[in-house]
Amino acid sequence: MTRAFVFPGQGAQTIGMGRALAEAYPAARAVFDEVDEALGEKLSALIWEGEPEALTLTENAQPALMATSLAAMRALEAEGVTIEAAAFVAGHSLGEYSALAASGALTLADTARLLRIRGKAMQAAVPVGEGAMAALLGLDFETAKAVAGAAAQGEVCEAANDNDPGQVVISGHKAAVERAVALAKEKGAKRAVLLPVSAPFHCTLMQPAAEAMATALGQVDINRPKVPLVANVLAAAVSDPATIRSLLVEQVTGSVRWRESVLYMAEQGVTETWEIGAGKALSGMIRRIDRDIATRQIGTPDEVKAAVESING
């Protein structure tokens, strides 16, 4: 069994996530304490007892989801399963940072601070109401890209996430994205819906955020990960720290090539994925991309124990 550890992106957040892990595993609790210290605030209180609207804010959701993923990883380690049990790590958008922290390329404190900066910079890049994102369901990537291009009409409208064979997310100026939604339906999309997001992520409108991340990433150390990272913008494995640094900048405006990343891992022999952290969105996508890949979620103490037993027999 060759496995990859995959780490969720924004949208997976829920109030209470990671709490059971923190109560069951001191090492998981320590992750939340360290993130609180790095940010100079009680993010853990917001994650476990706060208002959903506050947790959904990009600047909070990003470090919160990373903390939950790393808490799950520390729980696995406490049970004797290390990152080296995976042949690859990969993450969806912000999940790429979780993957890098889990594989030792970034420290936990640096990752928390980088994601706080990233969240704020992405939110500030485009005034609220000017940008939008939409999910196009039932169109392949090339058709969705063509729809986005046709709808742009001098504005920005780009394919942001190639999630699975029937789901592409587009991003850009609000009017252009709305035109694309109408056009997608004409082109045979089963559904085309605007997403409840606060900014148009993963398109060229995010260039100010990419510049902010270039500065922030230039001030932290990046080590060679213990396990190769399948990068969002390449859909291929990388381990060189300088390459990782530049790809993390490129990722802010570039497409998340998730479908291709999963196909790449399958070609490399991956037969099982463990989704480390909150939710199960990635597992659903993976099953739609390649039904031969087994999926498993690791977000609760019971799921940790079941995963460990699956290895130890």
C-alpha atoms as a PDB file:
ATOM      1  CA  MET A   1       0.000   0.000   0.000  1.00  0.00           C
ATOM      2  CA  THR A   2       1.567   3.284  -1.118  1.00  0.00           C
ATOM      3  CA  ARG A   3      -0.113   6.255   0.498  1.00  0.00           C
ATOM      4  CA  ALA A   4      -0.145  10.033   0.312  1.00  0.00           C
ATOM      5  CA  PHE A   5      -1.111  12.400   3.118  1.00  0.00           C
ATOM      6  CA  VAL A   6      -3.356  15.204   1.836  1.00  0.00           C
ATOM      7  CA  PHE A   7      -4.321  18.373   3.685  1.00  0.00           C
ATOM      8  CA  PRO A   8      -7.623  20.271   3.264  1.00  0.00           C
ATOM      9  CA  GLY A   9      -8.139  23.847   2.153  1.00  0.00           C
ATOM     10  CA  GLN A  10     -10.540  26.637   3.001  1.00  0.00           C
ATOM     11  CA  GLY A  11     -14.171  25.670   3.348  1.00  0.00           C
ATOM     12  CA  ALA A  12     -13.470  22.652   5.577  1.00  0.00           C
ATOM     13  CA  GLN A  13     -13.564  24.713   8.782  1.00  0.00           C
ATOM     14  CA  THR A  14     -16.142  23.979  11.487  1.00  0.00           C
ATOM     15  CA  ILE A  15     -16.483  25.197  15.058  1.00  0.00           C
ATOM     16  CA  GLY A  16     -15.066  22.537  17.384  1.00  0.00           C
ATOM     17  CA  MET A  17     -12.670  20.980  14.898  1.00  0.00           C
ATOM     18  CA  GLY A  18      -9.608  19.413  16.484  1.00  0.00           C
ATOM     19  CA  ARG A  19     -10.928  19.732  20.042  1.00  0.00           C
ATOM     20  CA  ALA A  20     -11.311  15.987  20.626  1.00  0.00           C
ATOM     21  CA  LEU A  21      -7.763  15.471  19.325  1.00  0.00           C
ATOM     22  CA  ALA A  22      -6.434  18.131  21.722  1.00  0.00           C
ATOM     23  CA  GLU A  23      -8.265  16.499  24.639  1.00  0.00           C
ATOM     24  CA  ALA A  24      -7.005  13.011  23.760  1.00  0.00           C
ATOM     25  CA  TYR A  25      -3.393  13.820  22.813  1.00  0.00           C
ATOM     26  CA  PRO A  26      -1.106  16.267  24.649  1.00  0.00           C
ATOM     27  CA  ALA A  27       0.968  16.601  21.446  1.00  0.00           C
ATOM     28  CA  ALA A  28      -2.144  17.749  19.568  1.00  0.00           C
ATOM     29  CA  ARG A  29      -3.014  20.220  22.325  1.00  0.00           C
ATOM     30  CA  ALA A  30       0.521  21.599  22.089  1.00  0.00           C
ATOM     31  CA  VAL A  31      -0.042  22.460  18.414  1.00  0.00           C
ATOM     32  CA  PHE A  32      -2.965  24.755  19.259  1.00  0.00           C
ATOM     33  CA  ASP A  33      -0.992  26.317  22.131  1.00  0.00           C
ATOM     34  CA  GLU A  34       1.966  27.010  19.847  1.00  0.00           C
ATOM     35  CA  VAL A  35      -0.246  28.540  17.135  1.00  0.00           C
ATOM     36  CA  ASP A  36      -1.929  30.759  19.774  1.00  0.00           C
ATOM     37  CA  GLU A  37       1.517  31.904  20.926  1.00  0.00           C
ATOM     38  CA  ALA A  38       2.789  32.511  17.384  1.00  0.00           C
ATOM     39  CA  LEU A  39      -0.224  34.680  16.540  1.00  0.00           C
ATOM     40  CA  GLY A  40      -0.401  36.393  19.936  1.00  0.00           C
ATOM     41  CA  GLU A  41      -4.071  35.514  20.371  1.00  0.00           C
ATOM     42  CA  LYS A  42      -6.336  32.642  21.414  1.00  0.00           C
ATOM     43  CA  LEU A  43      -7.175  31.288  17.980  1.00  0.00           C
ATOM     44  CA  SER A  44      -7.960  27.958  19.682  1.00  0.00           C
ATOM     45  CA  ALA A  45     -10.842  29.614  21.578  1.00  0.00           C
ATOM     46  CA  LEU A  46     -12.288  30.873  18.297  1.00  0.00           C
ATOM     47  CA  ILE A  47     -11.893  27.422  16.684  1.00  0.00           C
ATOM     48  CA  TRP A  48     -13.629  25.596  19.550  1.00  0.00           C
ATOM     49  CA  GLU A  49     -16.136  28.104  20.922  1.00  0.00           C
ATOM     50  CA  GLY A  50     -16.308  31.054  18.528  1.00  0.00           C
ATOM     51  CA  GLU A  51     -18.815  32.268  15.970  1.00  0.00           C
ATOM     52  CA  PRO A  52     -18.795  30.518  12.560  1.00  0.00           C
ATOM     53  CA  GLU A  53     -18.674  33.919  10.799  1.00  0.00           C
ATOM     54  CA  ALA A  54     -15.433  34.819  12.587  1.00  0.00           C
ATOM     55  CA  LEU A  55     -13.837  31.439  11.883  1.00  0.00           C
ATOM     56  CA  THR A  56     -14.797  31.705   8.195  1.00  0.00           C
ATOM     57  CA  LEU A  57     -12.818  34.955   7.808  1.00  0.00           C
ATOM     58  CA  THR A  58      -9.898  34.063   5.560  1.00  0.00           C
ATOM     59  CA  GLU A  59      -7.275  35.358   8.002  1.00  0.00           C
ATOM     60  CA  ASN A  60      -8.664  33.043  10.721  1.00  0.00           C
ATOM     61  CA  ALA A  61      -9.724  30.024   8.650  1.00  0.00           C
ATOM     62  CA  GLN A  62      -6.288  29.535   7.107  1.00  0.00           C
ATOM     63  CA  PRO A  63      -4.185  29.195  10.303  1.00  0.00           C
ATOM     64  CA  ALA A  64      -7.089  27.390  12.034  1.00  0.00           C
ATOM     65  CA  LEU A  65      -7.313  24.665   9.404  1.00  0.00           C
ATOM     66  CA  MET A  66      -3.539  24.265   9.429  1.00  0.00           C
ATOM     67  CA  ALA A  67      -3.514  23.930  13.235  1.00  0.00           C
ATOM     68  CA  THR A  68      -6.205  21.242  13.062  1.00  0.00           C
ATOM     69  CA  SER A  69      -4.279  19.321  10.390  1.00  0.00           C
ATOM     70  CA  LEU A  70      -1.050  19.493  12.379  1.00  0.00           C
ATOM     71  CA  ALA A  71      -2.851  18.392  15.545  1.00  0.00           C
ATOM     72  CA  ALA A  72      -4.074  15.306  13.664  1.00  0.00           C
ATOM     73  CA  MET A  73      -0.536  14.682  12.403  1.00  0.00           C
ATOM     74  CA  ARG A  74       0.891  14.939  15.937  1.00  0.00           C
ATOM     75  CA  ALA A  75      -1.768  12.483  17.154  1.00  0.00           C
ATOM     76  CA  LEU A  76      -0.680  10.019  14.470  1.00  0.00           C
ATOM     77  CA  GLU A  77       2.940  10.493  15.516  1.00  0.00           C
ATOM     78  CA  ALA A  78       1.989   9.857  19.153  1.00  0.00           C
ATOM     79  CA  GLU A  79       0.622   6.507  17.955  1.00  0.00           C
ATOM     80  CA  GLY A  80       3.857   5.733  16.105  1.00  0.00           C
ATOM     81  CA  VAL A  81       2.918   6.752  12.534  1.00  0.00           C
ATOM     82  CA  THR A  82       5.297   9.395  11.160  1.00  0.00           C
ATOM     83  CA  ILE A  83       5.168  11.493   8.010  1.00  0.00           C
ATOM     84  CA  GLU A  84       7.487   8.949   6.367  1.00  0.00           C
ATOM     85  CA  ALA A  85       4.529   6.537   6.233  1.00  0.00           C
ATOM     86  CA  ALA A  86       3.530   8.592   3.173  1.00  0.00           C
ATOM     87  CA  ALA A  87       5.290   8.604  -0.200  1.00  0.00           C
ATOM     88  CA  PHE A  88       4.001  12.145  -0.910  1.00  0.00           C
ATOM     89  CA  VAL A  89       2.281  15.058   0.802  1.00  0.00           C
ATOM     90  CA  ALA A  90      -0.095  17.438  -0.963  1.00  0.00           C
ATOM     91  CA  GLY A  91      -2.519  20.136   0.119  1.00  0.00           C
ATOM     92  CA  HIS A  92      -5.355  22.073  -1.484  1.00  0.00           C
ATOM     93  CA  SER A  93      -4.374  25.766  -1.611  1.00  0.00           C
ATOM     94  CA  LEU A  94      -3.652  26.711   2.039  1.00  0.00           C
ATOM     95  CA  GLY A  95      -3.358  22.949   2.683  1.00  0.00           C
ATOM     96  CA  GLU A  96      -0.021  23.099   0.904  1.00  0.00           C
ATOM     97  CA  TYR A  97       1.313  25.022   3.927  1.00  0.00           C
ATOM     98  CA  SER A  98      -0.061  22.343   6.268  1.00  0.00           C
ATOM     99  CA  ALA A  99       1.678  19.701   4.151  1.00  0.00           C
ATOM    100  CA  LEU A 100       4.968  21.586   4.364  1.00  0.00           C
ATOM    101  CA  ALA A 101       4.694  22.025   8.132  1.00  0.00           C
ATOM    102  CA  ALA A 102       3.822  18.342   8.574  1.00  0.00           C
ATOM    103  CA  SER A 103       6.832  17.301   6.496  1.00  0.00           C
ATOM    104  CA  GLY A 104       9.262  19.521   8.401  1.00  0.00           C
ATOM    105  CA  ALA A 105       9.859  22.076   5.639  1.00  0.00           C
ATOM    106  CA  LEU A 106       8.380  24.911   7.726  1.00  0.00           C
ATOM    107  CA  THR A 107       8.166  25.376  11.498  1.00  0.00           C
ATOM    108  CA  LEU A 108       4.690  25.426  13.003  1.00  0.00           C
ATOM    109  CA  ALA A 109       5.091  29.011  14.254  1.00  0.00           C
ATOM    110  CA  ASP A 110       6.309  30.288  10.868  1.00  0.00           C
ATOM    111  CA  THR A 111       3.445  28.481   9.120  1.00  0.00           C
ATOM    112  CA  ALA A 112       0.836  30.059  11.400  1.00  0.00           C
ATOM    113  CA  ARG A 113       2.262  33.538  10.837  1.00  0.00           C
ATOM    114  CA  LEU A 114       2.585  33.023   7.071  1.00  0.00           C
ATOM    115  CA  LEU A 115      -1.043  31.918   6.816  1.00  0.00           C
ATOM    116  CA  ARG A 116      -2.246  34.898   8.861  1.00  0.00           C
ATOM    117  CA  ILE A 117      -0.347  37.188   6.453  1.00  0.00           C
ATOM    118  CA  ARG A 118      -1.638  35.227   3.453  1.00  0.00           C
ATOM    119  CA  GLY A 119      -5.232  35.404   4.634  1.00  0.00           C
ATOM    120  CA  LYS A 120      -5.089  39.152   5.272  1.00  0.00           C
ATOM    121  CA  ALA A 121      -3.261  39.839   1.998  1.00  0.00           C
ATOM    122  CA  MET A 122      -5.714  37.781  -0.069  1.00  0.00           C
ATOM    123  CA  GLN A 123      -8.655  39.570   1.563  1.00  0.00           C
ATOM    124  CA  ALA A 124      -7.097  43.003   1.001  1.00  0.00           C
ATOM    125  CA  ALA A 125      -6.065  42.395  -2.625  1.00  0.00           C
ATOM    126  CA  VAL A 126      -9.537  43.113  -4.046  1.00  0.00           C
ATOM    127  CA  PRO A 127     -12.195  45.405  -2.514  1.00  0.00           C
ATOM    128  CA  VAL A 128     -15.176  43.442  -1.157  1.00  0.00           C
ATOM    129  CA  GLY A 129     -17.874  43.073  -3.805  1.00  0.00           C
ATOM    130  CA  GLU A 130     -15.570  43.520  -6.806  1.00  0.00           C
ATOM    131  CA  GLY A 131     -14.525  39.886  -7.134  1.00  0.00           C
ATOM    132  CA  ALA A 132     -16.313  36.545  -7.161  1.00  0.00           C
ATOM    133  CA  MET A 133     -15.795  32.818  -7.580  1.00  0.00           C
ATOM    134  CA  ALA A 134     -18.142  30.217  -9.044  1.00  0.00           C
ATOM    135  CA  ALA A 135     -18.217  26.431  -9.260  1.00  0.00           C
ATOM    136  CA  LEU A 136     -18.957  24.989 -12.695  1.00  0.00           C
ATOM    137  CA  LEU A 137     -20.256  21.429 -12.310  1.00  0.00           C
ATOM    138  CA  GLY A 138     -20.373  18.951 -15.158  1.00  0.00           C
ATOM    139  CA  LEU A 139     -17.846  20.682 -17.424  1.00  0.00           C
ATOM    140  CA  ASP A 140     -14.325  19.390 -18.055  1.00  0.00           C
ATOM    141  CA  PHE A 141     -11.372  21.656 -17.387  1.00  0.00           C
ATOM    142  CA  GLU A 142     -10.742  22.714 -20.989  1.00  0.00           C
ATOM    143  CA  THR A 143     -14.396  23.657 -21.531  1.00  0.00           C
ATOM    144  CA  ALA A 144     -14.506  25.558 -18.238  1.00  0.00           C
ATOM    145  CA  LYS A 145     -11.322  27.414 -19.184  1.00  0.00           C
ATOM    146  CA  ALA A 146     -12.851  28.351 -22.551  1.00  0.00           C
ATOM    147  CA  VAL A 147     -16.031  29.574 -20.833  1.00  0.00           C
ATOM    148  CA  ALA A 148     -13.966  31.742 -18.457  1.00  0.00           C
ATOM    149  CA  GLY A 149     -11.982  33.175 -21.369  1.00  0.00           C
ATOM    150  CA  ALA A 150     -15.118  33.988 -23.361  1.00  0.00           C
ATOM    151  CA  ALA A 151     -16.782  35.641 -20.359  1.00  0.00           C
ATOM    152  CA  ALA A 152     -13.791  37.841 -19.468  1.00  0.00           C
ATOM    153  CA  GLN A 153     -14.507  40.587 -22.050  1.00  0.00           C
ATOM    154  CA  GLY A 154     -11.517  42.642 -20.934  1.00  0.00           C
ATOM    155  CA  GLU A 155     -11.938  41.782 -17.248  1.00  0.00           C
ATOM    156  CA  VAL A 156     -10.311  38.938 -15.280  1.00  0.00           C
ATOM    157  CA  CYS A 157     -12.062  35.559 -15.362  1.00  0.00           C
ATOM    158  CA  GLU A 158      -9.832  32.507 -14.943  1.00  0.00           C
ATOM    159  CA  ALA A 159      -9.951  28.840 -13.958  1.00  0.00           C
ATOM    160  CA  ALA A 160      -8.867  28.835 -10.310  1.00  0.00           C
ATOM    161  CA  ASN A 161      -9.320  25.232  -9.124  1.00  0.00           C
ATOM    162  CA  ASP A 162      -9.350  22.099 -11.265  1.00  0.00           C
ATOM    163  CA  ASN A 163     -10.835  20.014  -8.475  1.00  0.00           C
ATOM    164  CA  ASP A 164     -12.071  16.830 -10.148  1.00  0.00           C
ATOM    165  CA  PRO A 165     -13.406  15.699 -13.543  1.00  0.00           C
ATOM    166  CA  GLY A 166     -16.745  17.442 -13.064  1.00  0.00           C
ATOM    167  CA  GLN A 167     -15.901  20.440 -10.879  1.00  0.00           C
ATOM    168  CA  VAL A 168     -13.928  23.503 -11.917  1.00  0.00           C
ATOM    169  CA  VAL A 169     -13.937  26.737  -9.903  1.00  0.00           C
ATOM    170  CA  ILE A 170     -13.489  30.035 -11.735  1.00  0.00           C
ATOM    171  CA  SER A 171     -12.394  33.345 -10.238  1.00  0.00           C
ATOM    172  CA  GLY A 172     -12.191  37.004 -11.234  1.00  0.00           C
ATOM    173  CA  HIS A 173     -14.182  40.229 -11.531  1.00  0.00           C
ATOM    174  CA  LYS A 174     -17.755  39.737 -10.303  1.00  0.00           C
ATOM    175  CA  ALA A 175     -19.450  40.753 -13.557  1.00  0.00           C
ATOM    176  CA  ALA A 176     -17.188  38.490 -15.602  1.00  0.00           C
ATOM    177  CA  VAL A 177     -17.784  35.518 -13.290  1.00  0.00           C
ATOM    178  CA  GLU A 178     -21.557  36.123 -13.513  1.00  0.00           C
ATOM    179  CA  ARG A 179     -21.293  36.121 -17.322  1.00  0.00           C
ATOM    180  CA  ALA A 180     -19.358  32.839 -17.115  1.00  0.00           C
ATOM    181  CA  VAL A 181     -22.086  31.275 -14.946  1.00  0.00           C
ATOM    182  CA  ALA A 182     -24.701  32.089 -17.597  1.00  0.00           C
ATOM    183  CA  LEU A 183     -22.443  30.880 -20.416  1.00  0.00           C
ATOM    184  CA  ALA A 184     -21.550  27.645 -18.596  1.00  0.00           C
ATOM    185  CA  LYS A 185     -25.215  26.680 -18.452  1.00  0.00           C
ATOM    186  CA  GLU A 186     -25.460  27.222 -22.222  1.00  0.00           C
ATOM    187  CA  LYS A 187     -22.412  24.981 -22.669  1.00  0.00           C
ATOM    188  CA  GLY A 188     -24.073  22.127 -20.809  1.00  0.00           C
ATOM    189  CA  ALA A 189     -22.970  22.596 -17.190  1.00  0.00           C
ATOM    190  CA  LYS A 190     -25.184  20.636 -14.795  1.00  0.00           C
ATOM    191  CA  ARG A 191     -24.903  23.518 -12.347  1.00  0.00           C
ATOM    192  CA  ALA A 192     -23.044  26.804 -12.187  1.00  0.00           C
ATOM    193  CA  VAL A 193     -23.185  28.566  -8.832  1.00  0.00           C
ATOM    194  CA  LEU A 194     -21.544  31.581  -7.253  1.00  0.00           C
ATOM    195  CA  LEU A 195     -19.587  30.594  -4.128  1.00  0.00           C
ATOM    196  CA  PRO A 196     -19.934  32.326  -0.739  1.00  0.00           C
ATOM    197  CA  VAL A 197     -16.322  33.547  -0.637  1.00  0.00           C
ATOM    198  CA  SER A 198     -14.969  36.917   0.389  1.00  0.00           C
ATOM    199  CA  ALA A 199     -12.416  37.352  -2.415  1.00  0.00           C
ATOM    200  CA  PRO A 200     -11.525  35.979  -5.881  1.00  0.00           C
ATOM    201  CA  PHE A 201      -8.725  33.565  -4.965  1.00  0.00           C
ATOM    202  CA  HIS A 202      -6.252  31.977  -7.399  1.00  0.00           C
ATOM    203  CA  CYS A 203      -6.481  34.490 -10.227  1.00  0.00           C
ATOM    204  CA  THR A 204      -4.361  37.433 -11.397  1.00  0.00           C
ATOM    205  CA  LEU A 205      -6.379  39.861  -9.230  1.00  0.00           C
ATOM    206  CA  MET A 206      -4.450  38.322  -6.300  1.00  0.00           C
ATOM    207  CA  GLN A 207      -1.136  39.787  -7.519  1.00  0.00           C
ATOM    208  CA  PRO A 208      -0.848  42.206  -4.540  1.00  0.00           C
ATOM    209  CA  ALA A 209      -1.199  39.191  -2.215  1.00  0.00           C
ATOM    210  CA  ALA A 210       1.455  37.290  -4.185  1.00  0.00           C
ATOM    211  CA  GLU A 211       3.840  40.217  -3.667  1.00  0.00           C
ATOM    212  CA  ALA A 212       3.079  40.256   0.075  1.00  0.00           C
ATOM    213  CA  MET A 213       3.795  36.525   0.260  1.00  0.00           C
ATOM    214  CA  ALA A 214       7.061  36.897  -1.669  1.00  0.00           C
ATOM    215  CA  THR A 215       8.217  39.310   1.044  1.00  0.00           C
ATOM    216  CA  ALA A 216       6.958  37.146   3.925  1.00  0.00           C
ATOM    217  CA  LEU A 217       8.360  33.896   2.511  1.00  0.00           C
ATOM    218  CA  GLY A 218      11.719  35.591   1.963  1.00  0.00           C
ATOM    219  CA  GLN A 219      11.997  36.041   5.731  1.00  0.00           C
ATOM    220  CA  VAL A 220      11.544  32.403   6.809  1.00  0.00           C
ATOM    221  CA  ASP A 221      13.692  29.304   6.506  1.00  0.00           C
ATOM    222  CA  ILE A 222      12.378  26.516   4.312  1.00  0.00           C
ATOM    223  CA  ASN A 223      13.962  23.095   4.799  1.00  0.00           C
ATOM    224  CA  ARG A 224      13.921  20.148   2.453  1.00  0.00           C
ATOM    225  CA  PRO A 225      10.664  18.275   3.277  1.00  0.00           C
ATOM    226  CA  LYS A 226      11.032  14.746   4.654  1.00  0.00           C
ATOM    227  CA  VAL A 227       8.509  13.619   2.020  1.00  0.00           C
ATOM    228  CA  PRO A 228       8.182  15.192  -1.480  1.00  0.00           C
ATOM    229  CA  LEU A 229       5.428  17.786  -1.941  1.00  0.00           C
ATOM    230  CA  VAL A 230       3.117  17.477  -4.948  1.00  0.00           C
ATOM    231  CA  ALA A 231       2.762  21.198  -5.652  1.00  0.00           C
ATOM    232  CA  ASN A 232      -0.559  22.802  -6.627  1.00  0.00           C
ATOM    233  CA  VAL A 233       0.767  24.811  -9.546  1.00  0.00           C
ATOM    234  CA  LEU A 234       2.965  22.050 -11.011  1.00  0.00           C
ATOM    235  CA  ALA A 235       0.946  18.885 -10.278  1.00  0.00           C
ATOM    236  CA  ALA A 236       4.351  17.233  -9.759  1.00  0.00           C
ATOM    237  CA  ALA A 237       6.643  16.461  -6.830  1.00  0.00           C
ATOM    238  CA  VAL A 238       9.195  18.962  -5.536  1.00  0.00           C
ATOM    239  CA  SER A 239      11.657  18.904  -2.645  1.00  0.00           C
ATOM    240  CA  ASP A 240      14.059  21.784  -3.347  1.00  0.00           C
ATOM    241  CA  PRO A 241      13.479  24.595  -0.802  1.00  0.00           C
ATOM    242  CA  ALA A 242      14.121  27.432  -3.291  1.00  0.00           C
ATOM    243  CA  THR A 243      11.645  25.902  -5.740  1.00  0.00           C
ATOM    244  CA  ILE A 244       9.053  25.476  -2.976  1.00  0.00           C
ATOM    245  CA  ARG A 245       9.460  29.129  -1.973  1.00  0.00           C
ATOM    246  CA  SER A 246       8.830  30.395  -5.518  1.00  0.00           C
ATOM    247  CA  LEU A 247       5.910  28.002  -6.062  1.00  0.00           C
ATOM    248  CA  LEU A 248       4.199  29.232  -2.881  1.00  0.00           C
ATOM    249  CA  VAL A 249       4.298  32.753  -4.330  1.00  0.00           C
ATOM    250  CA  GLU A 250       3.053  31.549  -7.713  1.00  0.00           C
ATOM    251  CA  GLN A 251       0.283  29.578  -6.018  1.00  0.00           C
ATOM    252  CA  VAL A 252      -1.507  32.761  -4.860  1.00  0.00           C
ATOM    253  CA  THR A 253      -2.428  33.743  -8.433  1.00  0.00           C
ATOM    254  CA  GLY A 254      -2.063  30.308 -10.082  1.00  0.00           C
ATOM    255  CA  SER A 255      -4.559  27.486 -10.531  1.00  0.00           C
ATOM    256  CA  VAL A 256      -4.862  24.703  -7.971  1.00  0.00           C
ATOM    257  CA  ARG A 257      -4.278  21.694 -10.233  1.00  0.00           C
ATOM    258  CA  TRP A 258      -5.798  19.178  -7.819  1.00  0.00           C
ATOM    259  CA  ARG A 259      -7.181  16.724 -10.397  1.00  0.00           C
ATOM    260  CA  GLU A 260      -3.797  16.516 -12.133  1.00  0.00           C
ATOM    261  CA  SER A 261      -1.995  16.239  -8.772  1.00  0.00           C
ATOM    262  CA  VAL A 262      -4.059  13.191  -7.817  1.00  0.00           C
ATOM    263  CA  LEU A 263      -3.506  11.605 -11.249  1.00  0.00           C
ATOM    264  CA  TYR A 264       0.240  12.262 -10.854  1.00  0.00           C
ATOM    265  CA  MET A 265       0.286  10.519  -7.469  1.00  0.00           C
ATOM    266  CA  ALA A 266      -1.673   7.572  -8.913  1.00  0.00           C
ATOM    267  CA  GLU A 267       0.905   7.302 -11.717  1.00  0.00           C
ATOM    268  CA  GLN A 268       3.622   7.176  -9.044  1.00  0.00           C
ATOM    269  CA  GLY A 269       1.905   4.194  -7.447  1.00  0.00           C
ATOM    270  CA  VAL A 270      -0.208   5.841  -4.725  1.00  0.00           C
ATOM    271  CA  THR A 271      -3.137   3.566  -3.838  1.00  0.00           C
ATOM    272  CA  GLU A 272      -4.423   5.246  -0.656  1.00  0.00           C
ATOM    273  CA  THR A 273      -4.807   8.816   0.645  1.00  0.00           C
ATOM    274  CA  TRP A 274      -5.208   9.972   4.226  1.00  0.00           C
ATOM    275  CA  GLU A 275      -6.976  13.333   4.542  1.00  0.00           C
ATOM    276  CA  ILE A 276      -5.329  14.868   7.582  1.00  0.00           C
ATOM    277  CA  GLY A 277      -7.466  17.412   9.431  1.00  0.00           C
ATOM    278  CA  ALA A 278     -10.973  18.805   9.044  1.00  0.00           C
ATOM    279  CA  GLY A 279     -13.663  17.482   6.740  1.00  0.00           C
ATOM    280  CA  LYS A 280     -13.718  15.033   3.856  1.00  0.00           C
ATOM    281  CA  ALA A 281     -13.937  17.244   0.758  1.00  0.00           C
ATOM    282  CA  LEU A 282     -10.600  16.080  -0.663  1.00  0.00           C
ATOM    283  CA  SER A 283     -11.515  12.411  -0.247  1.00  0.00           C
ATOM    284  CA  GLY A 284     -14.673  12.988  -2.288  1.00  0.00           C
ATOM    285  CA  MET A 285     -12.685  14.686  -5.042  1.00  0.00           C
ATOM    286  CA  ILE A 286     -10.078  11.915  -5.033  1.00  0.00           C
ATOM    287  CA  ARG A 287     -12.718   9.216  -5.432  1.00  0.00           C
ATOM    288  CA  ARG A 288     -14.184  11.083  -8.413  1.00  0.00           C
ATOM    289  CA  ILE A 289     -10.717  11.416  -9.968  1.00  0.00           C
ATOM    290  CA  ASP A 290      -9.595   7.794  -9.489  1.00  0.00           C
ATOM    291  CA  ARG A 291     -11.930   5.195  -7.999  1.00  0.00           C
ATOM    292  CA  ASP A 292      -9.016   2.828  -7.442  1.00  0.00           C
ATOM    293  CA  ILE A 293      -7.514   5.079  -4.747  1.00  0.00           C
ATOM    294  CA  ALA A 294      -8.749   4.215  -1.240  1.00  0.00           C
ATOM    295  CA  THR A 295      -9.462   7.232   0.991  1.00  0.00           C
ATOM    296  CA  ARG A 296      -9.389   7.712   4.742  1.00  0.00           C
ATOM    297  CA  GLN A 297     -10.077  10.746   6.941  1.00  0.00           C
ATOM    298  CA  ILE A 298      -7.975  11.549  10.018  1.00  0.00           C
ATOM    299  CA  GLY A 299      -9.765  14.195  12.089  1.00  0.00           C
ATOM    300  CA  THR A 300     -10.824  12.491  15.344  1.00  0.00           C
ATOM    301  CA  PRO A 301      -9.143  10.212  17.901  1.00  0.00           C
ATOM    302  CA  ASP A 302     -11.172   7.237  16.629  1.00  0.00           C
ATOM    303  CA  GLU A 303     -10.045   7.917  13.042  1.00  0.00           C
ATOM    304  CA  VAL A 304      -6.425   8.181  14.219  1.00  0.00           C
ATOM    305  CA  LYS A 305      -6.657   4.807  15.962  1.00  0.00           C
ATOM    306  CA  ALA A 306      -8.355   3.150  12.968  1.00  0.00           C
ATOM    307  CA  ALA A 307      -5.657   4.471  10.630  1.00  0.00           C
ATOM    308  CA  VAL A 308      -2.878   3.219  12.894  1.00  0.00           C
ATOM    309  CA  GLU A 309      -4.512  -0.212  13.100  1.00  0.00           C
ATOM    310  CA  SER A 310      -4.751  -0.325   9.298  1.00  0.00           C
ATOM    311  CA  ILE A 311      -0.950  -0.063   9.141  1.00  0.00           C
ATOM    312  CA  ASN A 312      -0.092  -2.228  12.126  1.00  0.00           C
ATOM    313  CA  GLY A 313      -2.722  -4.859  11.329  1.00  0.00           C
END
